[in-house]
Amino acid sequence: MVVEGADGDAEELGNRLDAVVRVGQQVAGLTQQVGVDGVGAPSDAAAGPRGGEINA
């Protein structure tokens, strides 16, 4: 019984981790799209070149 509970908890934790990773990937994708459009995400304001610029 204890082992089954532990397995269930581990599976639930894994599902939650997968969901967090998916959200992170979506946010990263949106940030890249905004940067490529030349608008730049607010969090990127002090991070360096804006979208479309090349730092040679």
C-alpha atoms as a PDB file:
ATOM      1  CA  MET A   1       0.000   0.000   0.000  1.00  0.00           C
ATOM      2  CA  VAL A   2       2.801   2.411   0.877  1.00  0.00           C
ATOM      3  CA  VAL A   3       4.635   1.567  -2.342  1.00  0.00           C
ATOM      4  CA  GLU A   4       1.517   2.189  -4.446  1.00  0.00           C
ATOM      5  CA  GLY A   5       1.054   5.575  -2.790  1.00  0.00           C
ATOM      6  CA  ALA A   6       4.668   6.486  -3.447  1.00  0.00           C
ATOM      7  CA  ASP A   7       4.349   5.459  -7.085  1.00  0.00           C
ATOM      8  CA  GLY A   8       1.226   7.551  -7.461  1.00  0.00           C
ATOM      9  CA  ASP A   9       2.945  10.565  -5.920  1.00  0.00           C
ATOM     10  CA  ALA A  10       5.945  10.141  -8.198  1.00  0.00           C
ATOM     11  CA  GLU A  11       3.711   9.926 -11.263  1.00  0.00           C
ATOM     12  CA  GLU A  12       1.777  13.038 -10.232  1.00  0.00           C
ATOM     13  CA  LEU A  13       5.037  14.906  -9.629  1.00  0.00           C
ATOM     14  CA  GLY A  14       6.278  13.836 -13.052  1.00  0.00           C
ATOM     15  CA  ASN A  15       3.079  15.074 -14.675  1.00  0.00           C
ATOM     16  CA  ARG A  16       3.402  18.421 -12.935  1.00  0.00           C
ATOM     17  CA  LEU A  17       7.045  18.709 -14.004  1.00  0.00           C
ATOM     18  CA  ASP A  18       6.071  17.969 -17.614  1.00  0.00           C
ATOM     19  CA  ALA A  19       3.453  20.722 -17.451  1.00  0.00           C
ATOM     20  CA  VAL A  20       5.995  23.214 -16.082  1.00  0.00           C
ATOM     21  CA  VAL A  21       8.449  22.327 -18.837  1.00  0.00           C
ATOM     22  CA  ARG A  22       5.772  22.782 -21.521  1.00  0.00           C
ATOM     23  CA  VAL A  23       4.839  26.213 -20.159  1.00  0.00           C
ATOM     24  CA  GLY A  24       8.503  27.199 -20.045  1.00  0.00           C
ATOM     25  CA  GLN A  25       8.970  26.162 -23.668  1.00  0.00           C
ATOM     26  CA  GLN A  26       5.896  28.156 -24.713  1.00  0.00           C
ATOM     27  CA  VAL A  27       7.176  31.256 -22.929  1.00  0.00           C
ATOM     28  CA  ALA A  28      10.600  30.838 -24.525  1.00  0.00           C
ATOM     29  CA  GLY A  29       8.987  30.482 -27.957  1.00  0.00           C
ATOM     30  CA  LEU A  30       6.911  33.613 -27.475  1.00  0.00           C
ATOM     31  CA  THR A  31       9.955  35.556 -26.314  1.00  0.00           C
ATOM     32  CA  GLN A  32      11.878  34.479 -29.420  1.00  0.00           C
ATOM     33  CA  GLN A  33       8.983  35.452 -31.716  1.00  0.00           C
ATOM     34  CA  VAL A  34       8.726  38.884 -30.142  1.00  0.00           C
ATOM     35  CA  GLY A  35      12.476  39.401 -30.394  1.00  0.00           C
ATOM     36  CA  VAL A  36      12.578  38.378 -34.057  1.00  0.00           C
ATOM     37  CA  ASP A  37       9.805  40.875 -34.812  1.00  0.00           C
ATOM     38  CA  GLY A  38      12.080  43.611 -33.469  1.00  0.00           C
ATOM     39  CA  VAL A  39       9.807  44.548 -30.569  1.00  0.00           C
ATOM     40  CA  GLY A  40      11.761  42.860 -27.814  1.00  0.00           C
ATOM     41  CA  ALA A  41      10.294  41.445 -24.627  1.00  0.00           C
ATOM     42  CA  PRO A  42      10.371  43.707 -21.551  1.00  0.00           C
ATOM     43  CA  SER A  43      12.624  41.235 -19.744  1.00  0.00           C
ATOM     44  CA  ASP A  44      15.161  41.556 -22.584  1.00  0.00           C
ATOM     45  CA  ALA A  45      15.467  45.353 -22.279  1.00  0.00           C
ATOM     46  CA  ALA A  46      18.942  45.245 -20.692  1.00  0.00           C
ATOM     47  CA  ALA A  47      20.062  41.909 -22.108  1.00  0.00           C
ATOM     48  CA  GLY A  48      21.768  43.106 -25.273  1.00  0.00           C
ATOM     49  CA  PRO A  49      20.883  43.375 -28.964  1.00  0.00           C
ATOM     50  CA  ARG A  50      17.245  43.704 -29.965  1.00  0.00           C
ATOM     51  CA  GLY A  51      15.522  41.536 -32.537  1.00  0.00           C
ATOM     52  CA  GLY A  52      17.059  41.754 -35.987  1.00  0.00           C
ATOM     53  CA  GLU A  53      20.398  43.096 -34.750  1.00  0.00           C
ATOM     54  CA  ILE A  54      23.586  41.079 -35.119  1.00  0.00           C
ATOM     55  CA  ASN A  55      26.230  41.324 -32.424  1.00  0.00           C
ATOM     56  CA  ALA A  56      29.409  40.697 -34.451  1.00  0.00           C
END
